[in-house]
Amino acid sequence: MFQGCPPLKPQASSLKPVTTLRPYTLSDISPLCDAVLESKRELAPWMPWCHENYGPQDAAEWVESRPAAWEKNDAWSFLIVDEADTILGTCGLHRIDALNRVAELGYWVRTSAAGQGIATEASRQLRDWAFREKDLQRIEILISTENRASQRVAEKLGAEREAILRSRLLLHGRRHDCMLFAIVR
């Protein structure tokens, strides 16, 4: 577990299941891989890392890279877990620009937990933590114009749509226009 980074507990909420953000541990490799494989069909179109042959080695490389990314302020990554510590998805900030106090938010929720407000609640927890603990001023979310589910999460989070960026994302060899959403403190 990362030094100085306790789990982020949710505020009072009526969402079920109750979600918590917590840092990765090495024991998360297999359950994370299972969550990705369960959700591969839904994740693959939008997540360039979710490729046809995704497996345990990919999950291990990701989990093992999180402490160094955190220490270098390259990414602040969390698992989304329920009360039983079951992995529901992930949520994190990357492309951190410390000088301008800006970062990009990313999230995904496993298929069996989708549609329950989990991504929104986890993103809300992360937003609040980043503004409070990391002194960010702005959080951006880049979403393919074709990814309506992720757009709904950004909207429910209160992010404002600022622009359409043409040919901004490359997903599995195909260029996508994307929407730029932002939350400003």
Protein backbone atom coordinates (compact mmCIF):
# COMPACT_ATOMS: atom_id res chain seq x y z
CA MET A 1 0.00 0.00 0.00
CA PHE A 2 1.16 3.54 -0.66
CA GLN A 3 2.59 5.54 2.22
CA GLY A 4 0.41 8.42 3.33
CA CYS A 5 -2.61 7.40 1.28
CA PRO A 6 -5.42 5.90 3.36
CA PRO A 7 -8.58 4.63 1.70
CA LEU A 8 -11.00 7.39 0.73
CA LYS A 9 -14.30 6.83 2.50
CA PRO A 10 -17.52 8.05 0.89
CA GLN A 11 -19.64 10.83 2.28
CA ALA A 12 -23.18 9.95 3.36
CA SER A 13 -24.83 8.55 0.26
CA SER A 14 -27.84 6.49 -0.71
CA LEU A 15 -25.90 4.65 -3.44
CA LYS A 16 -25.65 0.89 -3.16
CA PRO A 17 -23.22 -0.75 -2.86
CA VAL A 18 -21.21 1.63 -0.67
CA THR A 19 -17.99 2.37 -2.50
CA THR A 20 -14.55 3.19 -1.18
CA LEU A 21 -11.42 4.18 -3.07
CA ARG A 22 -8.24 2.51 -1.91
CA PRO A 23 -4.68 2.13 -3.18
CA TYR A 24 -3.60 -1.02 -4.98
CA THR A 25 -1.79 -3.90 -3.27
CA LEU A 26 -0.04 -6.86 -4.88
CA SER A 27 -2.90 -9.12 -3.74
CA ASP A 28 -5.17 -7.18 -6.14
CA ILE A 29 -3.53 -8.54 -9.31
CA SER A 30 -5.75 -11.59 -9.79
CA PRO A 31 -9.06 -9.95 -8.77
CA LEU A 32 -8.26 -6.93 -10.97
CA CYS A 33 -7.57 -9.22 -13.92
CA ASP A 34 -10.88 -11.01 -13.27
CA ALA A 35 -12.75 -7.67 -13.24
CA VAL A 36 -11.16 -6.61 -16.53
CA LEU A 37 -11.84 -9.97 -18.20
CA GLU A 38 -15.47 -9.88 -17.04
CA SER A 39 -15.82 -6.42 -18.58
CA LYS A 40 -13.60 -6.79 -21.62
CA ARG A 41 -16.38 -6.41 -24.18
CA GLU A 42 -17.54 -3.12 -22.64
CA LEU A 43 -14.05 -1.76 -21.86
CA ALA A 44 -12.19 -2.62 -25.05
CA PRO A 45 -13.72 0.03 -27.32
CA TRP A 46 -12.74 2.87 -24.94
CA MET A 47 -9.63 1.70 -23.10
CA PRO A 48 -6.50 1.28 -25.24
CA TRP A 49 -4.88 -0.93 -22.58
CA CYS A 50 -7.75 -3.44 -22.79
CA HIS A 51 -6.55 -5.55 -25.70
CA GLU A 52 -7.64 -8.91 -27.05
CA ASN A 53 -5.01 -10.88 -25.11
CA TYR A 54 -5.28 -8.99 -21.80
CA GLY A 55 -4.31 -11.28 -18.93
CA PRO A 56 -2.63 -11.64 -15.54
CA GLN A 57 0.72 -10.24 -16.73
CA ASP A 58 -0.98 -7.01 -17.85
CA ALA A 59 -2.73 -6.68 -14.48
CA ALA A 60 0.55 -7.39 -12.64
CA GLU A 61 2.47 -4.77 -14.63
CA TRP A 62 -0.22 -2.17 -13.89
CA VAL A 63 -0.48 -2.90 -10.16
CA GLU A 64 3.30 -3.08 -9.73
CA SER A 65 3.75 0.28 -11.51
CA ARG A 66 1.35 2.22 -9.25
CA PRO A 67 3.75 3.07 -6.38
CA ALA A 68 6.36 4.60 -8.72
CA ALA A 69 3.69 6.54 -10.64
CA TRP A 70 2.39 7.89 -7.33
CA GLU A 71 5.85 8.85 -6.05
CA LYS A 72 6.69 10.70 -9.29
CA ASN A 73 3.25 12.40 -9.33
CA ASP A 74 2.57 10.83 -12.72
CA ALA A 75 -0.71 9.25 -11.59
CA TRP A 76 -2.78 8.85 -8.45
CA SER A 77 -4.58 5.55 -8.98
CA PHE A 78 -7.21 3.86 -6.85
CA LEU A 79 -9.36 0.77 -6.87
CA ILE A 80 -13.09 1.17 -6.37
CA VAL A 81 -14.19 -1.46 -3.86
CA ASP A 82 -17.40 -2.33 -2.02
CA GLU A 83 -17.87 -3.11 1.68
CA ALA A 84 -16.57 -6.66 1.13
CA ASP A 85 -13.45 -5.25 -0.63
CA THR A 86 -14.61 -6.65 -3.98
CA ILE A 87 -13.09 -4.73 -6.88
CA LEU A 88 -15.83 -2.79 -8.67
CA GLY A 89 -13.50 -0.84 -10.98
CA THR A 90 -10.79 1.78 -10.93
CA CYS A 91 -10.57 5.54 -10.72
CA GLY A 92 -7.56 7.79 -10.98
CA LEU A 93 -5.93 11.02 -11.97
CA HIS A 94 -3.17 11.07 -14.57
CA ARG A 95 -1.45 13.59 -16.85
CA ILE A 96 -0.85 15.58 -13.71
CA ASP A 97 0.36 19.11 -14.39
CA ALA A 98 1.59 20.28 -10.98
CA LEU A 99 2.55 23.74 -12.21
CA ASN A 100 -0.96 24.53 -13.45
CA ARG A 101 -2.64 22.27 -10.85
CA VAL A 102 -4.54 20.28 -13.48
CA ALA A 103 -5.05 16.53 -13.91
CA GLU A 104 -7.12 14.23 -16.09
CA LEU A 105 -9.69 11.91 -14.52
CA GLY A 106 -10.25 8.35 -15.71
CA TYR A 107 -12.63 5.66 -14.47
CA TRP A 108 -14.23 2.34 -15.33
CA VAL A 109 -16.60 -0.01 -13.54
CA ARG A 110 -16.87 -3.74 -14.04
CA THR A 111 -19.86 -4.93 -16.04
CA SER A 112 -21.65 -6.61 -13.11
CA ALA A 113 -21.57 -3.32 -11.16
CA ALA A 114 -22.42 -0.95 -14.02
CA GLY A 115 -25.48 1.29 -13.95
CA GLN A 116 -25.51 1.72 -10.16
CA GLY A 117 -23.87 5.15 -9.89
CA ILE A 118 -20.55 3.67 -8.79
CA ALA A 119 -18.35 5.53 -11.30
CA THR A 120 -20.02 8.82 -10.38
CA GLU A 121 -19.66 8.26 -6.64
CA ALA A 122 -16.02 7.13 -6.96
CA SER A 123 -15.20 10.11 -9.20
CA ARG A 124 -16.88 12.44 -6.70
CA GLN A 125 -14.72 11.04 -3.89
CA LEU A 126 -11.59 11.39 -5.99
CA ARG A 127 -12.49 14.94 -7.08
CA ASP A 128 -13.05 16.03 -3.49
CA TRP A 129 -9.80 14.41 -2.34
CA ALA A 130 -7.78 15.97 -5.18
CA PHE A 131 -9.10 19.46 -4.52
CA ARG A 132 -8.58 19.10 -0.75
CA GLU A 133 -5.33 17.09 -0.50
CA LYS A 134 -3.50 17.78 -3.76
CA ASP A 135 -4.60 21.40 -4.24
CA LEU A 136 -5.73 20.84 -7.82
CA GLN A 137 -7.59 23.69 -9.46
CA ARG A 138 -8.97 21.84 -12.49
CA ILE A 139 -9.86 18.25 -13.37
CA GLU A 140 -10.38 17.34 -17.01
CA ILE A 141 -12.16 14.34 -18.50
CA LEU A 142 -11.59 13.36 -22.15
CA ILE A 143 -14.28 11.07 -23.57
CA SER A 144 -14.90 9.75 -27.07
CA THR A 145 -17.98 11.35 -28.57
CA GLU A 146 -19.24 7.78 -29.05
CA ASN A 147 -18.91 6.77 -25.36
CA ARG A 148 -22.29 7.89 -24.04
CA ALA A 149 -22.05 5.99 -20.73
CA SER A 150 -18.87 7.79 -19.73
CA GLN A 151 -20.36 11.13 -20.80
CA ARG A 152 -23.29 10.51 -18.44
CA VAL A 153 -20.87 9.95 -15.56
CA ALA A 154 -19.11 13.26 -16.29
CA GLU A 155 -22.45 15.07 -16.47
CA LYS A 156 -23.70 13.53 -13.20
CA LEU A 157 -20.40 14.51 -11.59
CA GLY A 158 -21.13 18.13 -12.49
CA ALA A 159 -18.37 18.46 -15.07
CA GLU A 160 -19.04 21.05 -17.75
CA ARG A 161 -18.61 20.22 -21.41
CA GLU A 162 -16.12 22.72 -22.79
CA ALA A 163 -15.22 21.53 -26.27
CA ILE A 164 -15.17 18.87 -28.94
CA LEU A 165 -11.57 18.01 -29.79
CA ARG A 166 -11.32 16.61 -33.29
CA SER A 167 -9.33 13.42 -33.83
CA ARG A 168 -7.97 13.68 -30.26
CA LEU A 169 -8.06 10.03 -29.14
CA LEU A 170 -6.47 7.02 -30.78
CA LEU A 171 -8.31 3.89 -29.68
CA HIS A 172 -7.18 0.58 -31.16
CA GLY A 173 -5.88 2.17 -34.33
CA ARG A 174 -8.93 4.38 -34.94
CA ARG A 175 -9.07 8.15 -34.40
CA HIS A 176 -11.95 9.50 -32.30
CA ASP A 177 -13.27 12.97 -31.71
CA CYS A 178 -13.64 13.54 -28.01
CA MET A 179 -15.49 15.76 -25.61
CA LEU A 180 -13.51 17.76 -23.09
CA PHE A 181 -15.32 18.04 -19.77
CA ALA A 182 -13.87 19.97 -16.82
CA ILE A 183 -14.51 20.59 -13.15
CA VAL A 184 -12.98 23.76 -11.77
CA ARG A 185 -12.59 24.24 -8.04
